[in-house]
mmCIF file of all heavy atoms, coordinates in Angstrom:
data_MODEL
# 
_entry.id   MODEL 
# 
loop_
_atom_site.group_PDB 
_atom_site.id 
_atom_site.type_symbol 
_atom_site.label_atom_id 
_atom_site.label_alt_id 
_atom_site.label_comp_id 
_atom_site.label_asym_id 
_atom_site.label_entity_id 
_atom_site.label_seq_id 
_atom_site.pdbx_PDB_ins_code 
_atom_site.Cartn_x 
_atom_site.Cartn_y 
_atom_site.Cartn_z 
_atom_site.occupancy 
_atom_site.B_iso_or_equiv 
_atom_site.pdbx_formal_charge 
_atom_site.auth_seq_id 
_atom_site.auth_comp_id 
_atom_site.auth_asym_id 
_atom_site.auth_atom_id 
_atom_site.pdbx_PDB_model_num 
ATOM 1   N N   . GLY A 1 1  ? -27.738 88.877  -68.389 1.00 0.00 ? 1  GLY A N   1 
ATOM 2   C CA  . GLY A 1 1  ? -29.067 88.386  -68.030 1.00 0.00 ? 1  GLY A CA  1 
ATOM 3   C C   . GLY A 1 1  ? -29.447 88.732  -66.602 1.00 0.00 ? 1  GLY A C   1 
ATOM 4   O O   . GLY A 1 1  ? -30.589 89.119  -66.327 1.00 0.00 ? 1  GLY A O   1 
ATOM 5   N N   . VAL A 1 2  ? -28.498 88.614  -65.680 1.00 0.00 ? 2  VAL A N   1 
ATOM 6   C CA  . VAL A 1 2  ? -28.775 88.938  -64.283 1.00 0.00 ? 2  VAL A CA  1 
ATOM 7   C C   . VAL A 1 2  ? -29.117 90.417  -64.133 1.00 0.00 ? 2  VAL A C   1 
ATOM 8   O O   . VAL A 1 2  ? -30.049 90.784  -63.403 1.00 0.00 ? 2  VAL A O   1 
ATOM 9   C CB  . VAL A 1 2  ? -27.570 88.548  -63.393 1.00 0.00 ? 2  VAL A CB  1 
ATOM 10  C CG1 . VAL A 1 2  ? -27.683 89.169  -62.001 1.00 0.00 ? 2  VAL A CG1 1 
ATOM 11  C CG2 . VAL A 1 2  ? -27.470 87.029  -63.285 1.00 0.00 ? 2  VAL A CG2 1 
ATOM 12  N N   . ARG A 1 3  ? -28.377 91.294  -64.818 1.00 0.00 ? 3  ARG A N   1 
ATOM 13  C CA  . ARG A 1 3  ? -28.655 92.730  -64.712 1.00 0.00 ? 3  ARG A CA  1 
ATOM 14  C C   . ARG A 1 3  ? -30.024 93.067  -65.288 1.00 0.00 ? 3  ARG A C   1 
ATOM 15  O O   . ARG A 1 3  ? -30.780 93.854  -64.707 1.00 0.00 ? 3  ARG A O   1 
ATOM 16  C CB  . ARG A 1 3  ? -27.550 93.528  -65.411 1.00 0.00 ? 3  ARG A CB  1 
ATOM 17  C CG  . ARG A 1 3  ? -26.205 93.418  -64.709 1.00 0.00 ? 3  ARG A CG  1 
ATOM 18  C CD  . ARG A 1 3  ? -25.224 94.454  -65.207 1.00 0.00 ? 3  ARG A CD  1 
ATOM 19  N NE  . ARG A 1 3  ? -24.823 94.229  -66.585 1.00 0.00 ? 3  ARG A NE  1 
ATOM 20  C CZ  . ARG A 1 3  ? -23.825 93.430  -66.966 1.00 0.00 ? 3  ARG A CZ  1 
ATOM 21  N NH1 . ARG A 1 3  ? -23.142 92.750  -66.058 1.00 0.00 ? 3  ARG A NH1 1 
ATOM 22  N NH2 . ARG A 1 3  ? -23.507 93.297  -68.235 1.00 0.00 ? 3  ARG A NH2 1 
ATOM 23  N N   . GLU A 1 4  ? -30.358 92.466  -66.431 1.00 0.00 ? 4  GLU A N   1 
ATOM 24  C CA  . GLU A 1 4  ? -31.675 92.696  -67.031 1.00 0.00 ? 4  GLU A CA  1 
ATOM 25  C C   . GLU A 1 4  ? -32.780 92.182  -66.107 1.00 0.00 ? 4  GLU A C   1 
ATOM 26  O O   . GLU A 1 4  ? -33.809 92.839  -65.902 1.00 0.00 ? 4  GLU A O   1 
ATOM 27  C CB  . GLU A 1 4  ? -31.757 91.994  -68.383 1.00 0.00 ? 4  GLU A CB  1 
ATOM 28  C CG  . GLU A 1 4  ? -33.111 92.067  -69.072 1.00 0.00 ? 4  GLU A CG  1 
ATOM 29  C CD  . GLU A 1 4  ? -33.231 93.178  -70.087 1.00 0.00 ? 4  GLU A CD  1 
ATOM 30  O OE1 . GLU A 1 4  ? -32.422 93.239  -71.023 1.00 0.00 ? 4  GLU A OE1 1 
ATOM 31  O OE2 . GLU A 1 4  ? -34.183 93.992  -69.944 1.00 0.00 ? 4  GLU A OE2 1 
ATOM 32  N N   . TRP A 1 5  ? -32.555 91.015  -65.527 1.00 0.00 ? 5  TRP A N   1 
ATOM 33  C CA  . TRP A 1 5  ? -33.549 90.402  -64.626 1.00 0.00 ? 5  TRP A CA  1 
ATOM 34  C C   . TRP A 1 5  ? -33.787 91.292  -63.405 1.00 0.00 ? 5  TRP A C   1 
ATOM 35  O O   . TRP A 1 5  ? -34.935 91.596  -63.055 1.00 0.00 ? 5  TRP A O   1 
ATOM 36  C CB  . TRP A 1 5  ? -33.059 89.027  -64.193 1.00 0.00 ? 5  TRP A CB  1 
ATOM 37  C CG  . TRP A 1 5  ? -34.014 88.267  -63.311 1.00 0.00 ? 5  TRP A CG  1 
ATOM 38  C CD1 . TRP A 1 5  ? -34.122 88.366  -61.957 1.00 0.00 ? 5  TRP A CD1 1 
ATOM 39  C CD2 . TRP A 1 5  ? -34.999 87.318  -63.726 1.00 0.00 ? 5  TRP A CD2 1 
ATOM 40  N NE1 . TRP A 1 5  ? -35.103 87.528  -61.495 1.00 0.00 ? 5  TRP A NE1 1 
ATOM 41  C CE2 . TRP A 1 5  ? -35.658 86.878  -62.558 1.00 0.00 ? 5  TRP A CE2 1 
ATOM 42  C CE3 . TRP A 1 5  ? -35.373 86.791  -64.958 1.00 0.00 ? 5  TRP A CE3 1 
ATOM 43  C CZ2 . TRP A 1 5  ? -36.677 85.920  -62.605 1.00 0.00 ? 5  TRP A CZ2 1 
ATOM 44  C CZ3 . TRP A 1 5  ? -36.393 85.836  -65.002 1.00 0.00 ? 5  TRP A CZ3 1 
ATOM 45  C CH2 . TRP A 1 5  ? -37.029 85.420  -63.835 1.00 0.00 ? 5  TRP A CH2 1 
ATOM 46  N N   . ASN A 1 6  ? -32.715 91.715  -62.770 1.00 0.00 ? 6  ASN A N   1 
ATOM 47  C CA  . ASN A 1 6  ? -32.855 92.519  -61.551 1.00 0.00 ? 6  ASN A CA  1 
ATOM 48  C C   . ASN A 1 6  ? -33.531 93.852  -61.825 1.00 0.00 ? 6  ASN A C   1 
ATOM 49  O O   . ASN A 1 6  ? -34.332 94.332  -61.018 1.00 0.00 ? 6  ASN A O   1 
ATOM 50  C CB  . ASN A 1 6  ? -31.487 92.736  -60.899 1.00 0.00 ? 6  ASN A CB  1 
ATOM 51  C CG  . ASN A 1 6  ? -30.931 91.463  -60.292 1.00 0.00 ? 6  ASN A CG  1 
ATOM 52  O OD1 . ASN A 1 6  ? -31.657 90.495  -60.064 1.00 0.00 ? 6  ASN A OD1 1 
ATOM 53  N ND2 . ASN A 1 6  ? -29.640 91.441  -60.039 1.00 0.00 ? 6  ASN A ND2 1 
ATOM 54  N N   . PHE A 1 7  ? -33.228 94.452  -62.955 1.00 0.00 ? 7  PHE A N   1 
ATOM 55  C CA  . PHE A 1 7  ? -33.888 95.704  -63.331 1.00 0.00 ? 7  PHE A CA  1 
ATOM 56  C C   . PHE A 1 7  ? -35.390 95.482  -63.499 1.00 0.00 ? 7  PHE A C   1 
ATOM 57  O O   . PHE A 1 7  ? -36.210 96.317  -63.093 1.00 0.00 ? 7  PHE A O   1 
ATOM 58  C CB  . PHE A 1 7  ? -33.291 96.237  -64.632 1.00 0.00 ? 7  PHE A CB  1 
ATOM 59  C CG  . PHE A 1 7  ? -33.909 97.523  -65.116 1.00 0.00 ? 7  PHE A CG  1 
ATOM 60  C CD1 . PHE A 1 7  ? -33.496 98.746  -64.603 1.00 0.00 ? 7  PHE A CD1 1 
ATOM 61  C CD2 . PHE A 1 7  ? -34.903 97.523  -66.091 1.00 0.00 ? 7  PHE A CD2 1 
ATOM 62  C CE1 . PHE A 1 7  ? -34.055 99.931  -65.042 1.00 0.00 ? 7  PHE A CE1 1 
ATOM 63  C CE2 . PHE A 1 7  ? -35.471 98.699  -66.534 1.00 0.00 ? 7  PHE A CE2 1 
ATOM 64  C CZ  . PHE A 1 7  ? -35.048 99.917  -66.010 1.00 0.00 ? 7  PHE A CZ  1 
ATOM 65  N N   . SER A 1 8  ? -35.747 94.339  -64.063 1.00 0.00 ? 8  SER A N   1 
ATOM 66  C CA  . SER A 1 8  ? -37.164 94.046  -64.320 1.00 0.00 ? 8  SER A CA  1 
ATOM 67  C C   . SER A 1 8  ? -37.957 93.849  -63.037 1.00 0.00 ? 8  SER A C   1 
ATOM 68  O O   . SER A 1 8  ? -39.188 93.995  -63.041 1.00 0.00 ? 8  SER A O   1 
ATOM 69  C CB  . SER A 1 8  ? -37.286 92.795  -65.197 1.00 0.00 ? 8  SER A CB  1 
ATOM 70  O OG  . SER A 1 8  ? -36.635 92.978  -66.432 1.00 0.00 ? 8  SER A OG  1 
ATOM 71  N N   . LEU A 1 9  ? -37.288 93.523  -61.938 1.00 0.00 ? 9  LEU A N   1 
ATOM 72  C CA  . LEU A 1 9  ? -37.984 93.280  -60.670 1.00 0.00 ? 9  LEU A CA  1 
ATOM 73  C C   . LEU A 1 9  ? -38.352 94.559  -59.933 1.00 0.00 ? 9  LEU A C   1 
ATOM 74  O O   . LEU A 1 9  ? -39.120 94.512  -58.965 1.00 0.00 ? 9  LEU A O   1 
ATOM 75  C CB  . LEU A 1 9  ? -37.106 92.425  -59.749 1.00 0.00 ? 9  LEU A CB  1 
ATOM 76  C CG  . LEU A 1 9  ? -36.680 91.051  -60.266 1.00 0.00 ? 9  LEU A CG  1 
ATOM 77  C CD1 . LEU A 1 9  ? -35.821 90.346  -59.221 1.00 0.00 ? 9  LEU A CD1 1 
ATOM 78  C CD2 . LEU A 1 9  ? -37.885 90.184  -60.629 1.00 0.00 ? 9  LEU A CD2 1 
ATOM 79  N N   . ARG A 1 10 ? -37.793 95.701  -60.364 1.00 0.00 ? 10 ARG A N   1 
ATOM 80  C CA  . ARG A 1 10 ? -38.038 96.948  -59.634 1.00 0.00 ? 10 ARG A CA  1 
ATOM 81  C C   . ARG A 1 10 ? -39.540 97.236  -59.565 1.00 0.00 ? 10 ARG A C   1 
ATOM 82  O O   . ARG A 1 10 ? -40.253 97.159  -60.550 1.00 0.00 ? 10 ARG A O   1 
ATOM 83  C CB  . ARG A 1 10 ? -37.351 98.125  -60.343 1.00 0.00 ? 10 ARG A CB  1 
ATOM 84  C CG  . ARG A 1 10 ? -35.849 98.063  -60.320 1.00 0.00 ? 10 ARG A CG  1 
ATOM 85  C CD  . ARG A 1 10 ? -35.209 99.203  -61.116 1.00 0.00 ? 10 ARG A CD  1 
ATOM 86  N NE  . ARG A 1 10 ? -35.956 99.480  -62.322 1.00 0.00 ? 10 ARG A NE  1 
ATOM 87  C CZ  . ARG A 1 10 ? -36.698 100.577 -62.516 1.00 0.00 ? 10 ARG A CZ  1 
ATOM 88  N NH1 . ARG A 1 10 ? -36.757 101.499 -61.586 1.00 0.00 ? 10 ARG A NH1 1 
ATOM 89  N NH2 . ARG A 1 10 ? -37.350 100.749 -63.644 1.00 0.00 ? 10 ARG A NH2 1 
ATOM 90  N N   . GLY A 1 11 ? -39.989 97.570  -58.361 1.00 0.00 ? 11 GLY A N   1 
ATOM 91  C CA  . GLY A 1 11 ? -41.385 97.952  -58.176 1.00 0.00 ? 11 GLY A CA  1 
ATOM 92  C C   . GLY A 1 11 ? -42.364 96.799  -58.054 1.00 0.00 ? 11 GLY A C   1 
ATOM 93  O O   . GLY A 1 11 ? -43.557 97.023  -57.868 1.00 0.00 ? 11 GLY A O   1 
ATOM 94  N N   . MET A 1 12 ? -41.888 95.562  -58.158 1.00 0.00 ? 12 MET A N   1 
ATOM 95  C CA  . MET A 1 12 ? -42.804 94.420  -58.062 1.00 0.00 ? 12 MET A CA  1 
ATOM 96  C C   . MET A 1 12 ? -43.208 94.184  -56.609 1.00 0.00 ? 12 MET A C   1 
ATOM 97  O O   . MET A 1 12 ? -42.398 94.318  -55.693 1.00 0.00 ? 12 MET A O   1 
ATOM 98  C CB  . MET A 1 12 ? -42.146 93.149  -58.609 1.00 0.00 ? 12 MET A CB  1 
ATOM 99  C CG  . MET A 1 12 ? -42.018 93.097  -60.113 1.00 0.00 ? 12 MET A CG  1 
ATOM 100 S SD  . MET A 1 12 ? -41.478 91.440  -60.651 1.00 0.00 ? 12 MET A SD  1 
ATOM 101 C CE  . MET A 1 12 ? -41.416 91.668  -62.428 1.00 0.00 ? 12 MET A CE  1 
ATOM 102 N N   . GLY A 1 13 ? -44.461 93.796  -56.412 1.00 0.00 ? 13 GLY A N   1 
ATOM 103 C CA  . GLY A 1 13 ? -44.945 93.377  -55.105 1.00 0.00 ? 13 GLY A CA  1 
ATOM 104 C C   . GLY A 1 13 ? -44.665 91.899  -54.878 1.00 0.00 ? 13 GLY A C   1 
ATOM 105 O O   . GLY A 1 13 ? -44.123 91.208  -55.751 1.00 0.00 ? 13 GLY A O   1 
ATOM 106 N N   . ASP A 1 14 ? -45.068 91.403  -53.715 1.00 0.00 ? 14 ASP A N   1 
ATOM 107 C CA  . ASP A 1 14 ? -44.761 90.020  -53.358 1.00 0.00 ? 14 ASP A CA  1 
ATOM 108 C C   . ASP A 1 14 ? -45.269 89.004  -54.379 1.00 0.00 ? 14 ASP A C   1 
ATOM 109 O O   . ASP A 1 14 ? -44.544 88.084  -54.764 1.00 0.00 ? 14 ASP A O   1 
ATOM 110 C CB  . ASP A 1 14 ? -45.350 89.695  -51.981 1.00 0.00 ? 14 ASP A CB  1 
ATOM 111 C CG  . ASP A 1 14 ? -44.456 90.163  -50.840 1.00 0.00 ? 14 ASP A CG  1 
ATOM 112 O OD1 . ASP A 1 14 ? -43.430 90.828  -51.112 1.00 0.00 ? 14 ASP A OD1 1 
ATOM 113 O OD2 . ASP A 1 14 ? -44.783 89.863  -49.676 1.00 0.00 ? 14 ASP A OD2 1 
ATOM 114 N N   . ARG A 1 15 ? -46.504 89.158  -54.811 1.00 0.00 ? 15 ARG A N   1 
ATOM 115 C CA  . ARG A 1 15 ? -47.069 88.157  -55.725 1.00 0.00 ? 15 ARG A CA  1 
ATOM 116 C C   . ARG A 1 15 ? -46.367 88.181  -57.082 1.00 0.00 ? 15 ARG A C   1 
ATOM 117 O O   . ARG A 1 15 ? -46.109 87.124  -57.675 1.00 0.00 ? 15 ARG A O   1 
ATOM 118 C CB  . ARG A 1 15 ? -48.576 88.390  -55.908 1.00 0.00 ? 15 ARG A CB  1 
ATOM 119 C CG  . ARG A 1 15 ? -49.405 88.279  -54.648 1.00 0.00 ? 15 ARG A CG  1 
ATOM 120 C CD  . ARG A 1 15 ? -49.367 86.883  -54.051 1.00 0.00 ? 15 ARG A CD  1 
ATOM 121 N NE  . ARG A 1 15 ? -49.997 85.888  -54.883 1.00 0.00 ? 15 ARG A NE  1 
ATOM 122 C CZ  . ARG A 1 15 ? -50.070 84.588  -54.591 1.00 0.00 ? 15 ARG A CZ  1 
ATOM 123 N NH1 . ARG A 1 15 ? -49.528 84.132  -53.466 1.00 0.00 ? 15 ARG A NH1 1 
ATOM 124 N NH2 . ARG A 1 15 ? -50.660 83.733  -55.405 1.00 0.00 ? 15 ARG A NH2 1 
ATOM 125 N N   . GLU A 1 16 ? -46.020 89.372  -57.551 1.00 0.00 ? 16 GLU A N   1 
ATOM 126 C CA  . GLU A 1 16 ? -45.287 89.468  -58.819 1.00 0.00 ? 16 GLU A CA  1 
ATOM 127 C C   . GLU A 1 16 ? -43.896 88.857  -58.685 1.00 0.00 ? 16 GLU A C   1 
ATOM 128 O O   . GLU A 1 16 ? -43.410 88.178  -59.597 1.00 0.00 ? 16 GLU A O   1 
ATOM 129 C CB  . GLU A 1 16 ? -45.173 90.929  -59.241 1.00 0.00 ? 16 GLU A CB  1 
ATOM 130 C CG  . GLU A 1 16 ? -46.496 91.591  -59.587 1.00 0.00 ? 16 GLU A CG  1 
ATOM 131 C CD  . GLU A 1 16 ? -46.370 93.100  -59.668 1.00 0.00 ? 16 GLU A CD  1 
ATOM 132 O OE1 . GLU A 1 16 ? -46.024 93.723  -58.642 1.00 0.00 ? 16 GLU A OE1 1 
ATOM 133 O OE2 . GLU A 1 16 ? -46.608 93.653  -60.763 1.00 0.00 ? 16 GLU A OE2 1 
ATOM 134 N N   . LEU A 1 17 ? -43.259 89.083  -57.539 1.00 0.00 ? 17 LEU A N   1 
ATOM 135 C CA  . LEU A 1 17 ? -41.936 88.502  -57.309 1.00 0.00 ? 17 LEU A CA  1 
ATOM 136 C C   . LEU A 1 17 ? -42.013 86.981  -57.242 1.00 0.00 ? 17 LEU A C   1 
ATOM 137 O O   . LEU A 1 17 ? -41.152 86.283  -57.795 1.00 0.00 ? 17 LEU A O   1 
ATOM 138 C CB  . LEU A 1 17 ? -41.342 89.057  -56.021 1.00 0.00 ? 17 LEU A CB  1 
ATOM 139 C CG  . LEU A 1 17 ? -40.888 90.515  -56.065 1.00 0.00 ? 17 LEU A CG  1 
ATOM 140 C CD1 . LEU A 1 17 ? -40.604 91.031  -54.655 1.00 0.00 ? 17 LEU A CD1 1 
ATOM 141 C CD2 . LEU A 1 17 ? -39.643 90.672  -56.942 1.00 0.00 ? 17 LEU A CD2 1 
ATOM 142 N N   . LEU A 1 18 ? -43.025 86.463  -56.579 1.00 0.00 ? 18 LEU A N   1 
ATOM 143 C CA  . LEU A 1 18 ? -43.177 85.011  -56.508 1.00 0.00 ? 18 LEU A CA  1 
ATOM 144 C C   . LEU A 1 18 ? -43.399 84.414  -57.898 1.00 0.00 ? 18 LEU A C   1 
ATOM 145 O O   . LEU A 1 18 ? -42.870 83.344  -58.213 1.00 0.00 ? 18 LEU A O   1 
ATOM 146 C CB  . LEU A 1 18 ? -44.344 84.644  -55.591 1.00 0.00 ? 18 LEU A CB  1 
ATOM 147 C CG  . LEU A 1 18 ? -44.148 84.916  -54.092 1.00 0.00 ? 18 LEU A CG  1 
ATOM 148 C CD1 . LEU A 1 18 ? -45.441 84.631  -53.326 1.00 0.00 ? 18 LEU A CD1 1 
ATOM 149 C CD2 . LEU A 1 18 ? -43.004 84.069  -53.532 1.00 0.00 ? 18 LEU A CD2 1 
ATOM 150 N N   . ALA A 1 19 ? -44.160 85.118  -58.737 1.00 0.00 ? 19 ALA A N   1 
ATOM 151 C CA  . ALA A 1 19 ? -44.397 84.629  -60.096 1.00 0.00 ? 19 ALA A CA  1 
ATOM 152 C C   . ALA A 1 19 ? -43.120 84.667  -60.923 1.00 0.00 ? 19 ALA A C   1 
ATOM 153 O O   . ALA A 1 19 ? -42.822 83.733  -61.683 1.00 0.00 ? 19 ALA A O   1 
ATOM 154 C CB  . ALA A 1 19 ? -45.490 85.464  -60.766 1.00 0.00 ? 19 ALA A CB  1 
ATOM 155 N N   . ALA A 1 20 ? -42.343 85.739  -60.780 1.00 0.00 ? 20 ALA A N   1 
ATOM 156 C CA  . ALA A 1 20 ? -41.073 85.830  -61.502 1.00 0.00 ? 20 ALA A CA  1 
ATOM 157 C C   . ALA A 1 20 ? -40.118 84.744  -61.018 1.00 0.00 ? 20 ALA A C   1 
ATOM 158 O O   . ALA A 1 20 ? -39.429 84.093  -61.820 1.00 0.00 ? 20 ALA A O   1 
ATOM 159 C CB  . ALA A 1 20 ? -40.460 87.215  -61.310 1.00 0.00 ? 20 ALA A CB  1 
ATOM 160 N N   . ALA A 1 21 ? -40.057 84.549  -59.696 1.00 0.00 ? 21 ALA A N   1 
ATOM 161 C CA  . ALA A 1 21 ? -39.186 83.509  -59.144 1.00 0.00 ? 21 ALA A CA  1 
ATOM 162 C C   . ALA A 1 21 ? -39.584 82.139  -59.669 1.00 0.00 ? 21 ALA A C   1 
ATOM 163 O O   . ALA A 1 21 ? -38.724 81.316  -60.029 1.00 0.00 ? 21 ALA A O   1 
ATOM 164 C CB  . ALA A 1 21 ? -39.250 83.531  -57.619 1.00 0.00 ? 21 ALA A CB  1 
ATOM 165 N N   . GLN A 1 22 ? -40.903 81.875  -59.742 1.00 0.00 ? 22 GLN A N   1 
ATOM 166 C CA  . GLN A 1 22 ? -41.366 80.572  -60.222 1.00 0.00 ? 22 GLN A CA  1 
ATOM 167 C C   . GLN A 1 22 ? -40.977 80.349  -61.677 1.00 0.00 ? 22 GLN A C   1 
ATOM 168 O O   . GLN A 1 22 ? -40.625 79.231  -62.072 1.00 0.00 ? 22 GLN A O   1 
ATOM 169 C CB  . GLN A 1 22 ? -42.887 80.463  -60.053 1.00 0.00 ? 22 GLN A CB  1 
ATOM 170 C CG  . GLN A 1 22 ? -43.437 79.065  -60.268 1.00 0.00 ? 22 GLN A CG  1 
ATOM 171 C CD  . GLN A 1 22 ? -42.836 78.049  -59.301 1.00 0.00 ? 22 GLN A CD  1 
ATOM 172 O OE1 . GLN A 1 22 ? -42.516 78.366  -58.156 1.00 0.00 ? 22 GLN A OE1 1 
ATOM 173 N NE2 . GLN A 1 22 ? -42.647 76.819  -59.764 1.00 0.00 ? 22 GLN A NE2 1 
ATOM 174 N N   . LEU A 1 23 ? -41.019 81.424  -62.466 1.00 0.00 ? 23 LEU A N   1 
ATOM 175 C CA  . LEU A 1 23 ? -40.593 81.326  -63.857 1.00 0.00 ? 23 LEU A CA  1 
ATOM 176 C C   . LEU A 1 23 ? -39.139 80.878  -63.935 1.00 0.00 ? 23 LEU A C   1 
ATOM 177 O O   . LEU A 1 23 ? -38.778 79.997  -64.714 1.00 0.00 ? 23 LEU A O   1 
ATOM 178 C CB  . LEU A 1 23 ? -40.776 82.690  -64.545 1.00 0.00 ? 23 LEU A CB  1 
ATOM 179 C CG  . LEU A 1 23 ? -40.358 82.792  -66.012 1.00 0.00 ? 23 LEU A CG  1 
ATOM 180 C CD1 . LEU A 1 23 ? -41.213 81.891  -66.895 1.00 0.00 ? 23 LEU A CD1 1 
ATOM 181 C CD2 . LEU A 1 23 ? -40.465 84.242  -66.491 1.00 0.00 ? 23 LEU A CD2 1 
ATOM 182 N N   . ALA A 1 24 ? -38.295 81.465  -63.096 1.00 0.00 ? 24 ALA A N   1 
ATOM 183 C CA  . ALA A 1 24 ? -36.885 81.080  -63.077 1.00 0.00 ? 24 ALA A CA  1 
ATOM 184 C C   . ALA A 1 24 ? -36.706 79.661  -62.555 1.00 0.00 ? 24 ALA A C   1 
ATOM 185 O O   . ALA A 1 24 ? -35.880 78.894  -63.073 1.00 0.00 ? 24 ALA A O   1 
ATOM 186 C CB  . ALA A 1 24 ? -36.092 82.065  -62.222 1.00 0.00 ? 24 ALA A CB  1 
# 
């Protein structure tokens, strides 16, 4: 799960990262 998650974050900007973090 961690490897899949980290791969999915590639290329994300700050707002996308904050949204992904909030989901977690």
